[in-house]
Amino acid sequence: THSHFLPSPEAGGGQSGGYTRLYTLLERQRAAAPG
């Protein structure tokens, strides 16, 4: 993750990375996990 606390701009106008995005994804996966 190389200290990427903040999202980085991507080609085409989108963004990637960022700890808040990562946290959101982790929470979604934890909530959906059966065990």
PDB file of all heavy atoms in Angstrom:
ATOM      1  N   THR A   1       0.821  -1.212   0.000  1.00  0.00           N
ATOM      2  CA  THR A   1       0.000   0.000   0.000  1.00  0.00           C
ATOM      3  C   THR A   1       0.855   1.262   0.000  1.00  0.00           C
ATOM      4  O   THR A   1       0.361   2.337  -0.343  1.00  0.00           O
ATOM      5  CB  THR A   1      -0.961   0.016   1.203  1.00  0.00           C
ATOM      6  OG1 THR A   1      -0.224  -0.168   2.410  1.00  0.00           O
ATOM      7  CG2 THR A   1      -2.008  -1.076   1.063  1.00  0.00           C
ATOM      8  N   HIS A   2       2.120   1.171   0.376  1.00  0.00           N
ATOM      9  CA  HIS A   2       3.115   2.236   0.234  1.00  0.00           C
ATOM     10  C   HIS A   2       2.633   3.617   0.699  1.00  0.00           C
ATOM     11  O   HIS A   2       2.763   4.602  -0.033  1.00  0.00           O
ATOM     12  CB  HIS A   2       3.614   2.325  -1.210  1.00  0.00           C
ATOM     13  CG  HIS A   2       4.407   1.128  -1.632  1.00  0.00           C
ATOM     14  ND1 HIS A   2       5.680   0.906  -1.188  1.00  0.00           N
ATOM     15  CD2 HIS A   2       4.076   0.076  -2.424  1.00  0.00           C
ATOM     16  CE1 HIS A   2       6.130  -0.222  -1.710  1.00  0.00           C
ATOM     17  NE2 HIS A   2       5.176  -0.751  -2.461  1.00  0.00           N
ATOM     18  N   SER A   3       2.077   3.697   1.883  1.00  0.00           N
ATOM     19  CA  SER A   3       1.684   4.972   2.499  1.00  0.00           C
ATOM     20  C   SER A   3       0.666   5.761   1.690  1.00  0.00           C
ATOM     21  O   SER A   3       0.582   6.975   1.819  1.00  0.00           O
ATOM     22  CB  SER A   3       2.910   5.861   2.764  1.00  0.00           C
ATOM     23  OG  SER A   3       3.833   5.226   3.606  1.00  0.00           O
ATOM     24  N   HIS A   4      -0.110   5.114   0.864  1.00  0.00           N
ATOM     25  CA  HIS A   4      -1.105   5.814   0.047  1.00  0.00           C
ATOM     26  C   HIS A   4      -2.393   6.022   0.844  1.00  0.00           C
ATOM     27  O   HIS A   4      -3.402   5.358   0.613  1.00  0.00           O
ATOM     28  CB  HIS A   4      -1.381   5.062  -1.260  1.00  0.00           C
ATOM     29  CG  HIS A   4      -0.287   5.198  -2.247  1.00  0.00           C
ATOM     30  ND1 HIS A   4      -0.133   6.313  -3.035  1.00  0.00           N
ATOM     31  CD2 HIS A   4       0.743   4.383  -2.547  1.00  0.00           C
ATOM     32  CE1 HIS A   4       0.936   6.175  -3.795  1.00  0.00           C
ATOM     33  NE2 HIS A   4       1.488   5.011  -3.511  1.00  0.00           N
ATOM     34  N   PHE A   5      -2.337   6.964   1.776  1.00  0.00           N
ATOM     35  CA  PHE A   5      -3.505   7.300   2.585  1.00  0.00           C
ATOM     36  C   PHE A   5      -4.607   7.918   1.730  1.00  0.00           C
ATOM     37  O   PHE A   5      -5.781   7.712   1.985  1.00  0.00           O
ATOM     38  CB  PHE A   5      -3.122   8.300   3.684  1.00  0.00           C
ATOM     39  CG  PHE A   5      -2.401   7.676   4.836  1.00  0.00           C
ATOM     40  CD1 PHE A   5      -1.033   7.512   4.807  1.00  0.00           C
ATOM     41  CD2 PHE A   5      -3.092   7.263   5.956  1.00  0.00           C
ATOM     42  CE1 PHE A   5      -0.362   6.935   5.868  1.00  0.00           C
ATOM     43  CE2 PHE A   5      -2.433   6.693   7.023  1.00  0.00           C
ATOM     44  CZ  PHE A   5      -1.060   6.526   6.987  1.00  0.00           C
ATOM     45  N   LEU A   6      -4.206   8.691   0.743  1.00  0.00           N
ATOM     46  CA  LEU A   6      -5.160   9.417  -0.094  1.00  0.00           C
ATOM     47  C   LEU A   6      -5.295   8.744  -1.454  1.00  0.00           C
ATOM     48  O   LEU A   6      -4.337   8.147  -1.951  1.00  0.00           O
ATOM     49  CB  LEU A   6      -4.696  10.861  -0.282  1.00  0.00           C
ATOM     50  CG  LEU A   6      -4.468  11.653   1.008  1.00  0.00           C
ATOM     51  CD1 LEU A   6      -3.872  13.019   0.693  1.00  0.00           C
ATOM     52  CD2 LEU A   6      -5.766  11.794   1.782  1.00  0.00           C
ATOM     53  N   PRO A   7      -6.463   8.844  -2.084  1.00  0.00           N
ATOM     54  CA  PRO A   7      -6.620   8.283  -3.433  1.00  0.00           C
ATOM     55  C   PRO A   7      -5.699   8.979  -4.431  1.00  0.00           C
ATOM     56  O   PRO A   7      -5.356  10.141  -4.271  1.00  0.00           O
ATOM     57  CB  PRO A   7      -8.079   8.567  -3.778  1.00  0.00           C
ATOM     58  CG  PRO A   7      -8.750   8.862  -2.489  1.00  0.00           C
ATOM     59  CD  PRO A   7      -7.703   9.416  -1.579  1.00  0.00           C
ATOM     60  N   SER A   8      -5.326   8.243  -5.458  1.00  0.00           N
ATOM     61  CA  SER A   8      -4.484   8.785  -6.527  1.00  0.00           C
ATOM     62  C   SER A   8      -5.288   8.881  -7.810  1.00  0.00           C
ATOM     63  O   SER A   8      -6.080   7.987  -8.110  1.00  0.00           O
ATOM     64  CB  SER A   8      -3.286   7.861  -6.770  1.00  0.00           C
ATOM     65  OG  SER A   8      -2.520   7.734  -5.604  1.00  0.00           O
ATOM     66  N   PRO A   9      -5.090   9.942  -8.580  1.00  0.00           N
ATOM     67  CA  PRO A   9      -5.811  10.049  -9.854  1.00  0.00           C
ATOM     68  C   PRO A   9      -5.320   9.016 -10.854  1.00  0.00           C
ATOM     69  O   PRO A   9      -4.148   8.668 -10.876  1.00  0.00           O
ATOM     70  CB  PRO A   9      -5.493  11.468 -10.332  1.00  0.00           C
ATOM     71  CG  PRO A   9      -4.287  11.886  -9.567  1.00  0.00           C
ATOM     72  CD  PRO A   9      -4.239  11.083  -8.311  1.00  0.00           C
ATOM     73  N   GLU A  10      -6.250   8.516 -11.654  1.00  0.00           N
ATOM     74  CA  GLU A  10      -5.926   7.563 -12.712  1.00  0.00           C
ATOM     75  C   GLU A  10      -6.114   8.228 -14.067  1.00  0.00           C
ATOM     76  O   GLU A  10      -6.814   9.233 -14.178  1.00  0.00           O
ATOM     77  CB  GLU A  10      -6.865   6.353 -12.658  1.00  0.00           C
ATOM     78  CG  GLU A  10      -6.614   5.409 -11.539  1.00  0.00           C
ATOM     79  CD  GLU A  10      -7.531   4.197 -11.633  1.00  0.00           C
ATOM     80  OE1 GLU A  10      -8.583   4.263 -12.300  1.00  0.00           O
ATOM     81  OE2 GLU A  10      -7.204   3.180 -11.016  1.00  0.00           O
ATOM     82  N   ALA A  11      -5.545   7.626 -15.080  1.00  0.00           N
ATOM     83  CA  ALA A  11      -5.795   8.091 -16.447  1.00  0.00           C
ATOM     84  C   ALA A  11      -7.275   7.882 -16.744  1.00  0.00           C
ATOM     85  O   ALA A  11      -7.855   6.873 -16.386  1.00  0.00           O
ATOM     86  CB  ALA A  11      -4.938   7.309 -17.429  1.00  0.00           C
ATOM     87  N   GLY A  12      -7.909   8.840 -17.342  1.00  0.00           N
ATOM     88  CA  GLY A  12      -9.330   8.736 -17.649  1.00  0.00           C
ATOM     89  C   GLY A  12     -10.211   9.417 -16.611  1.00  0.00           C
ATOM     90  O   GLY A  12     -11.429   9.371 -16.712  1.00  0.00           O
ATOM     91  N   GLY A  13      -9.610  10.006 -15.585  1.00  0.00           N
ATOM     92  CA  GLY A  13     -10.386  10.789 -14.627  1.00  0.00           C
ATOM     93  C   GLY A  13     -10.813  10.070 -13.358  1.00  0.00           C
ATOM     94  O   GLY A  13     -11.344  10.686 -12.457  1.00  0.00           O
ATOM     95  N   GLY A  14     -10.591   8.781 -13.239  1.00  0.00           N
ATOM     96  CA  GLY A  14     -10.984   8.057 -12.033  1.00  0.00           C
ATOM     97  C   GLY A  14      -9.939   8.184 -10.935  1.00  0.00           C
ATOM     98  O   GLY A  14      -8.954   8.903 -11.072  1.00  0.00           O
ATOM     99  N   GLN A  15     -10.177   7.482  -9.835  1.00  0.00           N
ATOM    100  CA  GLN A  15      -9.229   7.462  -8.730  1.00  0.00           C
ATOM    101  C   GLN A  15      -9.029   6.023  -8.276  1.00  0.00           C
ATOM    102  O   GLN A  15      -9.908   5.185  -8.422  1.00  0.00           O
ATOM    103  CB  GLN A  15      -9.746   8.289  -7.553  1.00  0.00           C
ATOM    104  CG  GLN A  15      -9.779   9.766  -7.805  1.00  0.00           C
ATOM    105  CD  GLN A  15     -10.221  10.525  -6.570  1.00  0.00           C
ATOM    106  OE1 GLN A  15     -10.832   9.978  -5.672  1.00  0.00           O
ATOM    107  NE2 GLN A  15      -9.897  11.797  -6.532  1.00  0.00           N
ATOM    108  N   SER A  16      -7.855   5.772  -7.700  1.00  0.00           N
ATOM    109  CA  SER A  16      -7.595   4.464  -7.118  1.00  0.00           C
ATOM    110  C   SER A  16      -6.873   4.662  -5.805  1.00  0.00           C
ATOM    111  O   SER A  16      -6.253   5.685  -5.562  1.00  0.00           O
ATOM    112  CB  SER A  16      -6.750   3.602  -8.067  1.00  0.00           C
ATOM    113  OG  SER A  16      -5.465   4.158  -8.211  1.00  0.00           O
ATOM    114  N   GLY A  17      -6.960   3.645  -4.969  1.00  0.00           N
ATOM    115  CA  GLY A  17      -6.244   3.680  -3.701  1.00  0.00           C
ATOM    116  C   GLY A  17      -6.924   4.524  -2.648  1.00  0.00           C
ATOM    117  O   GLY A  17      -8.059   4.957  -2.795  1.00  0.00           O
ATOM    118  N   GLY A  18      -6.214   4.726  -1.575  1.00  0.00           N
ATOM    119  CA  GLY A  18      -6.730   5.485  -0.457  1.00  0.00           C
ATOM    120  C   GLY A  18      -7.205   4.558   0.654  1.00  0.00           C
ATOM    121  O   GLY A  18      -7.854   3.541   0.398  1.00  0.00           O
ATOM    122  N   TYR A  19      -6.870   4.897   1.882  1.00  0.00           N
ATOM    123  CA  TYR A  19      -7.228   4.044   3.019  1.00  0.00           C
ATOM    124  C   TYR A  19      -8.718   4.037   3.294  1.00  0.00           C
ATOM    125  O   TYR A  19      -9.249   3.039   3.765  1.00  0.00           O
ATOM    126  CB  TYR A  19      -6.444   4.469   4.254  1.00  0.00           C
ATOM    127  CG  TYR A  19      -5.039   3.910   4.312  1.00  0.00           C
ATOM    128  CD1 TYR A  19      -4.310   3.630   3.159  1.00  0.00           C
ATOM    129  CD2 TYR A  19      -4.426   3.660   5.528  1.00  0.00           C
ATOM    130  CE1 TYR A  19      -3.029   3.121   3.226  1.00  0.00           C
ATOM    131  CE2 TYR A  19      -3.141   3.152   5.595  1.00  0.00           C
ATOM    132  CZ  TYR A  19      -2.446   2.880   4.454  1.00  0.00           C
ATOM    133  OH  TYR A  19      -1.189   2.367   4.515  1.00  0.00           O
ATOM    134  N   THR A  20      -9.425   5.127   3.004  1.00  0.00           N
ATOM    135  CA  THR A  20     -10.875   5.098   3.234  1.00  0.00           C
ATOM    136  C   THR A  20     -11.556   4.162   2.251  1.00  0.00           C
ATOM    137  O   THR A  20     -12.490   3.445   2.622  1.00  0.00           O
ATOM    138  CB  THR A  20     -11.498   6.503   3.135  1.00  0.00           C
ATOM    139  OG1 THR A  20     -11.150   7.086   1.883  1.00  0.00           O
ATOM    140  CG2 THR A  20     -11.015   7.389   4.258  1.00  0.00           C
ATOM    141  N   ARG A  21     -11.095   4.141   1.026  1.00  0.00           N
ATOM    142  CA  ARG A  21     -11.640   3.189   0.046  1.00  0.00           C
ATOM    143  C   ARG A  21     -11.332   1.759   0.462  1.00  0.00           C
ATOM    144  O   ARG A  21     -12.169   0.874   0.364  1.00  0.00           O
ATOM    145  CB  ARG A  21     -11.055   3.454  -1.343  1.00  0.00           C
ATOM    146  CG  ARG A  21     -11.577   4.698  -1.981  1.00  0.00           C
ATOM    147  CD  ARG A  21     -10.781   5.002  -3.254  1.00  0.00           C
ATOM    148  NE  ARG A  21     -11.523   5.974  -4.008  1.00  0.00           N
ATOM    149  CZ  ARG A  21     -11.926   5.794  -5.246  1.00  0.00           C
ATOM    150  NH1 ARG A  21     -11.634   4.692  -5.882  1.00  0.00           N
ATOM    151  NH2 ARG A  21     -12.607   6.718  -5.853  1.00  0.00           N
ATOM    152  N   LEU A  22     -10.114   1.532   0.909  1.00  0.00           N
ATOM    153  CA  LEU A  22      -9.714   0.204   1.356  1.00  0.00           C
ATOM    154  C   LEU A  22     -10.563  -0.242   2.538  1.00  0.00           C
ATOM    155  O   LEU A  22     -11.048  -1.373   2.578  1.00  0.00           O
ATOM    156  CB  LEU A  22      -8.229   0.195   1.728  1.00  0.00           C
ATOM    157  CG  LEU A  22      -7.681  -1.104   2.308  1.00  0.00           C
ATOM    158  CD1 LEU A  22      -7.871  -2.261   1.345  1.00  0.00           C
ATOM    159  CD2 LEU A  22      -6.221  -0.923   2.678  1.00  0.00           C
ATOM    160  N   TYR A  23     -10.764   0.649   3.495  1.00  0.00           N
ATOM    161  CA  TYR A  23     -11.581   0.311   4.663  1.00  0.00           C
ATOM    162  C   TYR A  23     -13.014  -0.050   4.258  1.00  0.00           C
ATOM    163  O   TYR A  23     -13.586  -1.020   4.763  1.00  0.00           O
ATOM    164  CB  TYR A  23     -11.582   1.470   5.659  1.00  0.00           C
ATOM    165  CG  TYR A  23     -12.412   1.201   6.882  1.00  0.00           C
ATOM    166  CD1 TYR A  23     -11.993   0.269   7.833  1.00  0.00           C
ATOM    167  CD2 TYR A  23     -13.620   1.857   7.082  1.00  0.00           C
ATOM    168  CE1 TYR A  23     -12.757   0.011   8.954  1.00  0.00           C
ATOM    169  CE2 TYR A  23     -14.384   1.599   8.203  1.00  0.00           C
ATOM    170  CZ  TYR A  23     -13.945   0.675   9.131  1.00  0.00           C
ATOM    171  OH  TYR A  23     -14.707   0.418  10.240  1.00  0.00           O
ATOM    172  N   THR A  24     -13.576   0.697   3.332  1.00  0.00           N
ATOM    173  CA  THR A  24     -14.938   0.406   2.851  1.00  0.00           C
ATOM    174  C   THR A  24     -15.002  -0.981   2.225  1.00  0.00           C
ATOM    175  O   THR A  24     -15.919  -1.764   2.506  1.00  0.00           O
ATOM    176  CB  THR A  24     -15.380   1.464   1.826  1.00  0.00           C
ATOM    177  OG1 THR A  24     -15.361   2.745   2.462  1.00  0.00           O
ATOM    178  CG2 THR A  24     -16.770   1.181   1.296  1.00  0.00           C
ATOM    179  N   LEU A  25     -14.024  -1.320   1.395  1.00  0.00           N
ATOM    180  CA  LEU A  25     -13.988  -2.642   0.771  1.00  0.00           C
ATOM    181  C   LEU A  25     -13.823  -3.750   1.802  1.00  0.00           C
ATOM    182  O   LEU A  25     -14.480  -4.794   1.724  1.00  0.00           O
ATOM    183  CB  LEU A  25     -12.869  -2.712  -0.261  1.00  0.00           C
ATOM    184  CG  LEU A  25     -13.051  -1.860  -1.505  1.00  0.00           C
ATOM    185  CD1 LEU A  25     -11.792  -1.874  -2.357  1.00  0.00           C
ATOM    186  CD2 LEU A  25     -14.240  -2.347  -2.313  1.00  0.00           C
ATOM    187  N   LEU A  26     -12.945  -3.539   2.778  1.00  0.00           N
ATOM    188  CA  LEU A  26     -12.755  -4.543   3.822  1.00  0.00           C
ATOM    189  C   LEU A  26     -14.038  -4.773   4.604  1.00  0.00           C
ATOM    190  O   LEU A  26     -14.419  -5.918   4.884  1.00  0.00           O
ATOM    191  CB  LEU A  26     -11.625  -4.124   4.768  1.00  0.00           C
ATOM    192  CG  LEU A  26     -10.215  -4.130   4.192  1.00  0.00           C
ATOM    193  CD1 LEU A  26      -9.232  -3.522   5.186  1.00  0.00           C
ATOM    194  CD2 LEU A  26      -9.795  -5.527   3.802  1.00  0.00           C
ATOM    195  N   GLU A  27     -14.721  -3.696   4.964  1.00  0.00           N
ATOM    196  CA  GLU A  27     -15.965  -3.823   5.733  1.00  0.00           C
ATOM    197  C   GLU A  27     -17.040  -4.547   4.931  1.00  0.00           C
ATOM    198  O   GLU A  27     -17.787  -5.361   5.481  1.00  0.00           O
ATOM    199  CB  GLU A  27     -16.463  -2.450   6.191  1.00  0.00           C
ATOM    200  CG  GLU A  27     -15.644  -1.877   7.323  1.00  0.00           C
ATOM    201  CD  GLU A  27     -15.684  -2.761   8.561  1.00  0.00           C
ATOM    202  OE1 GLU A  27     -16.785  -2.984   9.100  1.00  0.00           O
ATOM    203  OE2 GLU A  27     -14.613  -3.238   8.979  1.00  0.00           O
ATOM    204  N   ARG A  28     -17.130  -4.283   3.645  1.00  0.00           N
ATOM    205  CA  ARG A  28     -18.102  -4.988   2.801  1.00  0.00           C
ATOM    206  C   ARG A  28     -17.801  -6.478   2.761  1.00  0.00           C
ATOM    207  O   ARG A  28     -18.708  -7.312   2.848  1.00  0.00           O
ATOM    208  CB  ARG A  28     -18.088  -4.419   1.384  1.00  0.00           C
ATOM    209  CG  ARG A  28     -18.754  -3.082   1.265  1.00  0.00           C
ATOM    210  CD  ARG A  28     -18.736  -2.614  -0.171  1.00  0.00           C
ATOM    211  NE  ARG A  28     -19.225  -1.247  -0.270  1.00  0.00           N
ATOM    212  CZ  ARG A  28     -19.048  -0.468  -1.313  1.00  0.00           C
ATOM    213  NH1 ARG A  28     -18.384  -0.913  -2.375  1.00  0.00           N
ATOM    214  NH2 ARG A  28     -19.516   0.757  -1.318  1.00  0.00           N
ATOM    215  N   GLN A  29     -16.533  -6.821   2.596  1.00  0.00           N
ATOM    216  CA  GLN A  29     -16.154  -8.229   2.538  1.00  0.00           C
ATOM    217  C   GLN A  29     -16.384  -8.922   3.877  1.00  0.00           C
ATOM    218  O   GLN A  29     -16.821 -10.068   3.927  1.00  0.00           O
ATOM    219  CB  GLN A  29     -14.692  -8.380   2.110  1.00  0.00           C
ATOM    220  CG  GLN A  29     -14.425  -7.965   0.692  1.00  0.00           C
ATOM    221  CD  GLN A  29     -15.203  -8.809  -0.308  1.00  0.00           C
ATOM    222  OE1 GLN A  29     -15.257 -10.022  -0.205  1.00  0.00           O
ATOM    223  NE2 GLN A  29     -15.823  -8.150  -1.264  1.00  0.00           N
ATOM    224  N   ARG A  30     -16.095  -8.247   4.972  1.00  0.00           N
ATOM    225  CA  ARG A  30     -16.323  -8.836   6.298  1.00  0.00           C
ATOM    226  C   ARG A  30     -17.805  -9.084   6.536  1.00  0.00           C
ATOM    227  O   ARG A  30     -18.186 -10.105   7.095  1.00  0.00           O
ATOM    228  CB  ARG A  30     -15.765  -7.908   7.379  1.00  0.00           C
ATOM    229  CG  ARG A  30     -14.265  -7.863   7.426  1.00  0.00           C
ATOM    230  CD  ARG A  30     -13.774  -6.852   8.444  1.00  0.00           C
ATOM    231  NE  ARG A  30     -12.328  -6.760   8.428  1.00  0.00           N
ATOM    232  CZ  ARG A  30     -11.651  -5.634   8.540  1.00  0.00           C
ATOM    233  NH1 ARG A  30     -12.271  -4.478   8.688  1.00  0.00           N
ATOM    234  NH2 ARG A  30     -10.340  -5.642   8.514  1.00  0.00           N
ATOM    235  N   ALA A  31     -18.639  -8.135   6.106  1.00  0.00           N
ATOM    236  CA  ALA A  31     -20.086  -8.283   6.304  1.00  0.00           C
ATOM    237  C   ALA A  31     -20.652  -9.417   5.448  1.00  0.00           C
ATOM    238  O   ALA A  31     -21.606 -10.084   5.857  1.00  0.00           O
ATOM    239  CB  ALA A  31     -20.793  -6.971   5.972  1.00  0.00           C
ATOM    240  N   ALA A  32     -20.073  -9.643   4.283  1.00  0.00           N
ATOM    241  CA  ALA A  32     -20.580 -10.670   3.376  1.00  0.00           C
ATOM    242  C   ALA A  32     -20.017 -12.055   3.661  1.00  0.00           C
ATOM    243  O   ALA A  32     -20.546 -13.047   3.160  1.00  0.00           O
ATOM    244  CB  ALA A  32     -20.260 -10.280   1.933  1.00  0.00           C
ATOM    245  N   ALA A  33     -18.975 -12.137   4.465  1.00  0.00           N
ATOM    246  CA  ALA A  33     -18.334 -13.424   4.721  1.00  0.00           C
ATOM    247  C   ALA A  33     -19.248 -14.320   5.559  1.00  0.00           C
ATOM    248  O   ALA A  33     -19.843 -13.871   6.535  1.00  0.00           O
ATOM    249  CB  ALA A  33     -17.009 -13.221   5.432  1.00  0.00           C
ATOM    250  N   PRO A  34     -19.349 -15.601   5.200  1.00  0.00           N
ATOM    251  CA  PRO A  34     -20.228 -16.507   5.926  1.00  0.00           C
ATOM    252  C   PRO A  34     -19.667 -16.961   7.267  1.00  0.00           C
ATOM    253  O   PRO A  34     -20.398 -17.465   8.106  1.00  0.00           O
ATOM    254  CB  PRO A  34     -20.368 -17.697   4.975  1.00  0.00           C
ATOM    255  CG  PRO A  34     -19.124 -17.673   4.162  1.00  0.00           C
ATOM    256  CD  PRO A  34     -18.749 -16.228   4.032  1.00  0.00           C
ATOM    257  N   GLY A  35     -18.389 -16.802   7.482  1.00  0.00           N
ATOM    258  CA  GLY A  35     -17.765 -17.260   8.720  1.00  0.00           C
ATOM    259  C   GLY A  35     -16.743 -16.265   9.217  1.00  0.00           C
ATOM    260  O   GLY A  35     -16.789 -15.078   8.885  1.00  0.00           O
TER     261      GLY A  35
END
